[in-house]
Structures are given as C-alpha cells and as structure tokens.
Amino acid sequence: MRKLNTGDVFKMARLLKNANMVGSVKNAFEKGKEEGADEMKVGIDFVCDVLCACSEEKTETQLYDLLSGICEKKPEEIRSQSLETTVQDIQRIFEENNVLNFFRSASRLSGKIHG
C-alpha cells in the first residue's frame, strides 16, 4: 500500500461530490469530535451513508478506482475481494496516512477562511 498523494485527494473530492456525500463526511467528522462520541456508531452510520451513496454505478466505479490506486491493486480486485478485506484496506489507509489529522487541519483552515 502506498501513501496518499495529491491526485488521490482530488479523486476523493470528485467521488464525494458525485455521491453527494460532502455533508455526510462533515456530519461524521463533527459527531466524532463530540465529547464521549461512540466511534463505532459514528463509523457504522458513515459506512451506511457511503454504501447508499455509492449504489450508483458511476460512484461505485470511482470508489474502486480510488482504492485500487492507493492499495496498489486492480479495480477488479477491489470489486471481487471480501468486504472484510476492503474494510481492512480502508482502515490501513486511514492509519498509515493520518487521514483524521488531515480532516482536522482542513476543518481548522476552513473555519479561518469562512470565519
């Protein structure tokens, strides 16, 4: 698995926009910041939002494309691998790239820009 690069960020942005998920990401991030937040519940709610949003073939394909590049696999491998493996891949992406810290930084920057 490789580190996220700038191109991945833009692929993810297009996926979030096309899947109309920007609000879901912001909502999950805000809920996760709350005192005593149940991370498991926030995560499950977010995964449900992702699954519903990616039910369109275009967004499903974009998700495979994004994950395949980062995981250094073919999109067909991502499509046919077990759900457990895909979830593990996504967890590794978050852990190895400190994605939560990226969202925190982006949130602070956004507040400074809009505030």
N, C-alpha and C. Protein backbone atom coordinates (compact mmCIF):
# COMPACT_ATOMS: atom_id res chain seq x y z
N MET A 1 0.86 -1.18 0.00
CA MET A 1 0.00 0.00 0.00
C MET A 1 0.91 1.24 0.00
N ARG A 2 0.55 2.21 -0.81
CA ARG A 2 1.35 3.42 -0.87
C ARG A 2 0.66 4.54 -0.09
N LYS A 3 1.40 5.61 0.16
CA LYS A 3 0.85 6.79 0.83
C LYS A 3 -0.09 7.53 -0.12
N LEU A 4 -1.03 8.25 0.46
CA LEU A 4 -1.91 9.09 -0.34
C LEU A 4 -1.10 10.16 -1.06
N ASN A 5 -1.52 10.50 -2.26
CA ASN A 5 -0.87 11.59 -2.98
C ASN A 5 -1.92 12.63 -3.36
N THR A 6 -1.48 13.70 -3.94
CA THR A 6 -2.37 14.80 -4.28
C THR A 6 -3.48 14.35 -5.24
N GLY A 7 -3.14 13.52 -6.19
CA GLY A 7 -4.15 13.02 -7.13
C GLY A 7 -5.26 12.25 -6.42
N ASP A 8 -4.90 11.52 -5.36
CA ASP A 8 -5.91 10.77 -4.59
C ASP A 8 -6.90 11.73 -3.93
N VAL A 9 -6.39 12.85 -3.46
CA VAL A 9 -7.26 13.84 -2.80
C VAL A 9 -8.31 14.34 -3.78
N PHE A 10 -7.90 14.62 -5.01
CA PHE A 10 -8.85 15.12 -6.00
C PHE A 10 -9.82 14.02 -6.46
N LYS A 11 -9.32 12.77 -6.56
CA LYS A 11 -10.22 11.66 -6.88
C LYS A 11 -11.27 11.52 -5.78
N MET A 12 -10.83 11.62 -4.52
CA MET A 12 -11.75 11.51 -3.41
C MET A 12 -12.75 12.66 -3.42
N ALA A 13 -12.28 13.86 -3.74
CA ALA A 13 -13.18 15.02 -3.80
C ALA A 13 -14.25 14.82 -4.87
N ARG A 14 -13.86 14.32 -6.05
CA ARG A 14 -14.84 14.08 -7.11
C ARG A 14 -15.84 13.01 -6.69
N LEU A 15 -15.34 11.96 -6.04
CA LEU A 15 -16.22 10.89 -5.57
C LEU A 15 -17.22 11.44 -4.55
N LEU A 16 -16.74 12.21 -3.58
CA LEU A 16 -17.62 12.78 -2.57
C LEU A 16 -18.66 13.71 -3.19
N LYS A 17 -18.23 14.50 -4.16
CA LYS A 17 -19.15 15.42 -4.84
C LYS A 17 -20.18 14.66 -5.66
N ASN A 18 -19.73 13.70 -6.47
CA ASN A 18 -20.64 12.94 -7.32
C ASN A 18 -21.61 12.09 -6.50
N ALA A 19 -21.16 11.62 -5.34
CA ALA A 19 -22.02 10.79 -4.49
C ALA A 19 -22.85 11.65 -3.53
N ASN A 20 -22.68 12.96 -3.64
CA ASN A 20 -23.40 13.89 -2.76
C ASN A 20 -23.15 13.54 -1.29
N MET A 21 -21.87 13.32 -0.95
CA MET A 21 -21.50 12.87 0.38
C MET A 21 -20.76 13.91 1.22
N VAL A 22 -20.57 15.08 0.72
CA VAL A 22 -19.82 16.08 1.47
C VAL A 22 -20.46 16.32 2.83
N GLY A 23 -21.78 16.42 2.85
CA GLY A 23 -22.49 16.62 4.11
C GLY A 23 -22.32 15.46 5.06
N SER A 24 -22.31 14.23 4.54
CA SER A 24 -22.13 13.04 5.38
C SER A 24 -20.75 13.02 6.01
N VAL A 25 -19.74 13.42 5.24
CA VAL A 25 -18.37 13.45 5.77
C VAL A 25 -18.28 14.49 6.88
N LYS A 26 -18.82 15.68 6.63
CA LYS A 26 -18.79 16.74 7.64
C LYS A 26 -19.54 16.29 8.89
N ASN A 27 -20.70 15.67 8.71
CA ASN A 27 -21.51 15.22 9.83
C ASN A 27 -20.77 14.17 10.66
N ALA A 28 -20.16 13.19 10.00
CA ALA A 28 -19.42 12.14 10.72
C ALA A 28 -18.24 12.75 11.46
N PHE A 29 -17.56 13.69 10.83
CA PHE A 29 -16.41 14.33 11.47
C PHE A 29 -16.85 15.09 12.71
N GLU A 30 -17.93 15.85 12.60
CA GLU A 30 -18.43 16.63 13.74
C GLU A 30 -18.90 15.72 14.87
N LYS A 31 -19.62 14.65 14.54
CA LYS A 31 -20.08 13.71 15.56
C LYS A 31 -18.90 13.04 16.24
N GLY A 32 -17.86 12.74 15.48
CA GLY A 32 -16.67 12.10 16.04
C GLY A 32 -15.91 13.00 17.00
N LYS A 33 -16.04 14.32 16.83
CA LYS A 33 -15.35 15.27 17.72
C LYS A 33 -16.07 15.47 19.05
N GLU A 34 -17.35 15.09 19.11
CA GLU A 34 -18.14 15.33 20.32
C GLU A 34 -17.59 14.55 21.51
N GLU A 35 -17.70 15.15 22.68
CA GLU A 35 -17.27 14.50 23.92
C GLU A 35 -18.04 13.19 24.09
N GLY A 36 -17.32 12.11 24.35
CA GLY A 36 -17.94 10.82 24.59
C GLY A 36 -18.56 10.18 23.36
N ALA A 37 -18.12 10.61 22.18
CA ALA A 37 -18.69 10.07 20.94
C ALA A 37 -18.44 8.57 20.85
N ASP A 38 -19.43 7.85 20.42
CA ASP A 38 -19.32 6.41 20.21
C ASP A 38 -18.75 6.20 18.81
N GLU A 39 -17.44 5.95 18.74
CA GLU A 39 -16.77 5.85 17.45
C GLU A 39 -17.36 4.75 16.58
N MET A 40 -17.76 3.65 17.21
CA MET A 40 -18.33 2.55 16.45
C MET A 40 -19.64 2.99 15.78
N LYS A 41 -20.49 3.69 16.51
CA LYS A 41 -21.77 4.15 15.96
C LYS A 41 -21.54 5.17 14.85
N VAL A 42 -20.63 6.11 15.10
CA VAL A 42 -20.32 7.12 14.07
C VAL A 42 -19.80 6.42 12.82
N GLY A 43 -18.92 5.44 13.00
CA GLY A 43 -18.35 4.71 11.86
C GLY A 43 -19.39 3.92 11.10
N ILE A 44 -20.27 3.23 11.84
CA ILE A 44 -21.31 2.43 11.18
C ILE A 44 -22.27 3.33 10.42
N ASP A 45 -22.67 4.45 11.03
CA ASP A 45 -23.55 5.40 10.35
C ASP A 45 -22.90 5.90 9.07
N PHE A 46 -21.61 6.22 9.14
CA PHE A 46 -20.91 6.73 7.97
C PHE A 46 -20.80 5.68 6.88
N VAL A 47 -20.49 4.43 7.26
CA VAL A 47 -20.39 3.35 6.27
C VAL A 47 -21.73 3.14 5.58
N CYS A 48 -22.82 3.21 6.34
CA CYS A 48 -24.15 3.08 5.74
C CYS A 48 -24.39 4.20 4.73
N ASP A 49 -24.00 5.42 5.08
CA ASP A 49 -24.13 6.55 4.14
C ASP A 49 -23.32 6.30 2.87
N VAL A 50 -22.09 5.78 3.04
CA VAL A 50 -21.22 5.51 1.90
C VAL A 50 -21.85 4.46 0.99
N LEU A 51 -22.33 3.38 1.60
CA LEU A 51 -22.93 2.31 0.80
C LEU A 51 -24.12 2.80 0.00
N CYS A 52 -24.96 3.60 0.63
CA CYS A 52 -26.13 4.13 -0.08
C CYS A 52 -25.69 5.08 -1.20
N ALA A 53 -24.73 5.93 -0.91
CA ALA A 53 -24.27 6.92 -1.89
C ALA A 53 -23.56 6.25 -3.07
N CYS A 54 -22.87 5.17 -2.81
CA CYS A 54 -22.11 4.51 -3.88
C CYS A 54 -22.92 3.44 -4.61
N SER A 55 -24.22 3.46 -4.42
CA SER A 55 -25.06 2.48 -5.11
C SER A 55 -25.19 2.79 -6.60
N GLU A 56 -24.88 4.01 -6.99
CA GLU A 56 -24.85 4.36 -8.41
C GLU A 56 -23.58 3.76 -9.02
N GLU A 57 -23.69 3.19 -10.21
CA GLU A 57 -22.53 2.53 -10.83
C GLU A 57 -21.35 3.47 -11.02
N LYS A 58 -21.62 4.72 -11.35
CA LYS A 58 -20.52 5.68 -11.57
C LYS A 58 -19.71 5.87 -10.28
N THR A 59 -20.38 6.06 -9.16
CA THR A 59 -19.66 6.28 -7.91
C THR A 59 -19.01 4.99 -7.42
N GLU A 60 -19.65 3.86 -7.68
CA GLU A 60 -19.06 2.56 -7.31
C GLU A 60 -17.72 2.40 -8.05
N THR A 61 -17.74 2.70 -9.34
CA THR A 61 -16.52 2.60 -10.15
C THR A 61 -15.45 3.57 -9.66
N GLN A 62 -15.86 4.79 -9.29
CA GLN A 62 -14.90 5.77 -8.77
C GLN A 62 -14.27 5.27 -7.47
N LEU A 63 -15.06 4.62 -6.63
CA LEU A 63 -14.54 4.09 -5.37
C LEU A 63 -13.50 3.01 -5.64
N TYR A 64 -13.80 2.08 -6.56
CA TYR A 64 -12.83 1.04 -6.90
C TYR A 64 -11.55 1.65 -7.46
N ASP A 65 -11.69 2.66 -8.30
CA ASP A 65 -10.53 3.32 -8.89
C ASP A 65 -9.66 3.98 -7.82
N LEU A 66 -10.30 4.69 -6.89
CA LEU A 66 -9.57 5.35 -5.81
C LEU A 66 -8.83 4.33 -4.95
N LEU A 67 -9.56 3.32 -4.48
CA LEU A 67 -8.95 2.33 -3.59
C LEU A 67 -7.87 1.51 -4.30
N SER A 68 -8.10 1.19 -5.56
CA SER A 68 -7.12 0.35 -6.27
C SER A 68 -5.78 1.06 -6.41
N GLY A 69 -5.81 2.35 -6.68
CA GLY A 69 -4.55 3.09 -6.80
C GLY A 69 -3.78 3.12 -5.49
N ILE A 70 -4.47 3.41 -4.41
CA ILE A 70 -3.82 3.52 -3.10
C ILE A 70 -3.35 2.14 -2.63
N CYS A 71 -4.18 1.13 -2.82
CA CYS A 71 -3.85 -0.22 -2.34
C CYS A 71 -2.95 -0.98 -3.30
N GLU A 72 -2.67 -0.36 -4.44
CA GLU A 72 -1.83 -0.97 -5.47
C GLU A 72 -2.38 -2.32 -5.93
N LYS A 73 -3.68 -2.29 -6.22
CA LYS A 73 -4.39 -3.44 -6.74
C LYS A 73 -5.15 -2.99 -7.98
N LYS A 74 -5.66 -3.92 -8.75
CA LYS A 74 -6.51 -3.59 -9.89
C LYS A 74 -7.92 -3.32 -9.38
N PRO A 75 -8.67 -2.42 -10.05
CA PRO A 75 -10.06 -2.17 -9.63
C PRO A 75 -10.89 -3.45 -9.52
N GLU A 76 -10.63 -4.41 -10.44
CA GLU A 76 -11.37 -5.67 -10.41
C GLU A 76 -11.09 -6.45 -9.12
N GLU A 77 -9.84 -6.33 -8.60
CA GLU A 77 -9.50 -6.99 -7.34
C GLU A 77 -10.31 -6.40 -6.19
N ILE A 78 -10.40 -5.08 -6.16
CA ILE A 78 -11.16 -4.41 -5.11
C ILE A 78 -12.62 -4.86 -5.20
N ARG A 79 -13.17 -4.88 -6.40
CA ARG A 79 -14.56 -5.25 -6.61
C ARG A 79 -14.84 -6.67 -6.12
N SER A 80 -13.91 -7.60 -6.34
CA SER A 80 -14.18 -9.00 -6.05
C SER A 80 -13.65 -9.48 -4.70
N GLN A 81 -12.89 -8.65 -4.01
CA GLN A 81 -12.37 -9.10 -2.71
C GLN A 81 -13.47 -9.07 -1.66
N SER A 82 -13.22 -9.73 -0.55
CA SER A 82 -14.24 -9.78 0.52
C SER A 82 -14.43 -8.39 1.11
N LEU A 83 -15.61 -8.17 1.64
CA LEU A 83 -15.90 -6.89 2.31
C LEU A 83 -14.94 -6.68 3.47
N GLU A 84 -14.63 -7.75 4.18
CA GLU A 84 -13.69 -7.66 5.31
C GLU A 84 -12.33 -7.13 4.84
N THR A 85 -11.85 -7.61 3.71
CA THR A 85 -10.57 -7.15 3.17
C THR A 85 -10.66 -5.68 2.79
N THR A 86 -11.75 -5.27 2.17
CA THR A 86 -11.91 -3.87 1.78
C THR A 86 -11.93 -2.97 3.02
N VAL A 87 -12.65 -3.38 4.05
CA VAL A 87 -12.69 -2.59 5.29
C VAL A 87 -11.29 -2.51 5.89
N GLN A 88 -10.55 -3.61 5.89
CA GLN A 88 -9.17 -3.60 6.40
C GLN A 88 -8.29 -2.66 5.58
N ASP A 89 -8.46 -2.68 4.26
CA ASP A 89 -7.70 -1.76 3.39
C ASP A 89 -7.99 -0.31 3.76
N ILE A 90 -9.27 0.01 3.94
CA ILE A 90 -9.66 1.39 4.27
C ILE A 90 -9.10 1.78 5.64
N GLN A 91 -9.14 0.86 6.60
CA GLN A 91 -8.57 1.15 7.93
C GLN A 91 -7.08 1.44 7.81
N ARG A 92 -6.37 0.65 7.01
CA ARG A 92 -4.93 0.88 6.82
C ARG A 92 -4.67 2.24 6.18
N ILE A 93 -5.50 2.61 5.21
CA ILE A 93 -5.34 3.92 4.56
C ILE A 93 -5.45 5.02 5.61
N PHE A 94 -6.48 4.93 6.46
CA PHE A 94 -6.68 5.94 7.49
C PHE A 94 -5.52 5.97 8.47
N GLU A 95 -5.08 4.79 8.92
CA GLU A 95 -4.00 4.72 9.90
C GLU A 95 -2.66 5.19 9.35
N GLU A 96 -2.30 4.69 8.18
CA GLU A 96 -0.98 4.97 7.61
C GLU A 96 -0.83 6.37 7.05
N ASN A 97 -1.94 7.06 6.82
CA ASN A 97 -1.89 8.39 6.24
C ASN A 97 -2.40 9.48 7.17
N ASN A 98 -2.75 9.10 8.39
CA ASN A 98 -3.25 10.05 9.38
C ASN A 98 -4.35 10.93 8.77
N VAL A 99 -5.33 10.26 8.17
CA VAL A 99 -6.43 10.94 7.46
C VAL A 99 -7.25 11.80 8.44
N LEU A 100 -7.44 11.31 9.66
CA LEU A 100 -8.21 12.10 10.63
C LEU A 100 -7.52 13.42 10.93
N ASN A 101 -6.20 13.41 11.02
CA ASN A 101 -5.46 14.65 11.25
C ASN A 101 -5.62 15.59 10.05
N PHE A 102 -5.65 15.03 8.84
CA PHE A 102 -5.87 15.84 7.65
C PHE A 102 -7.22 16.54 7.72
N PHE A 103 -8.29 15.78 8.12
CA PHE A 103 -9.61 16.38 8.23
C PHE A 103 -9.65 17.45 9.32
N ARG A 104 -8.95 17.22 10.43
CA ARG A 104 -8.90 18.23 11.49
C ARG A 104 -8.25 19.51 10.98
N SER A 105 -7.14 19.36 10.29
CA SER A 105 -6.43 20.52 9.74
C SER A 105 -7.29 21.25 8.72
N ALA A 106 -7.95 20.49 7.85
CA ALA A 106 -8.80 21.10 6.83
C ALA A 106 -9.97 21.84 7.49
N SER A 107 -10.49 21.27 8.56
CA SER A 107 -11.60 21.90 9.27
C SER A 107 -11.15 23.23 9.90
N ARG A 108 -9.98 23.23 10.52
CA ARG A 108 -9.47 24.48 11.12
C ARG A 108 -9.23 25.52 10.05
N LEU A 109 -8.64 25.10 8.92
CA LEU A 109 -8.36 26.01 7.82
C LEU A 109 -9.67 26.58 7.27
N SER A 110 -10.67 25.72 7.10
CA SER A 110 -11.96 26.15 6.58
C SER A 110 -12.58 27.18 7.52
N GLY A 111 -12.45 26.96 8.81
CA GLY A 111 -13.00 27.91 9.78
C GLY A 111 -12.33 29.27 9.69
N LYS A 112 -11.02 29.27 9.44
CA LYS A 112 -10.29 30.53 9.29
C LYS A 112 -10.67 31.25 8.00
N ILE A 113 -10.91 30.47 6.96
CA ILE A 113 -11.28 31.08 5.67
C ILE A 113 -12.68 31.65 5.71
N HIS A 114 -13.62 30.87 6.28
CA HIS A 114 -15.02 31.28 6.30
C HIS A 114 -15.38 32.11 7.52
N GLY A 115 -14.51 32.12 8.52
CA GLY A 115 -14.82 32.78 9.79
C GLY A 115 -14.40 34.17 9.86
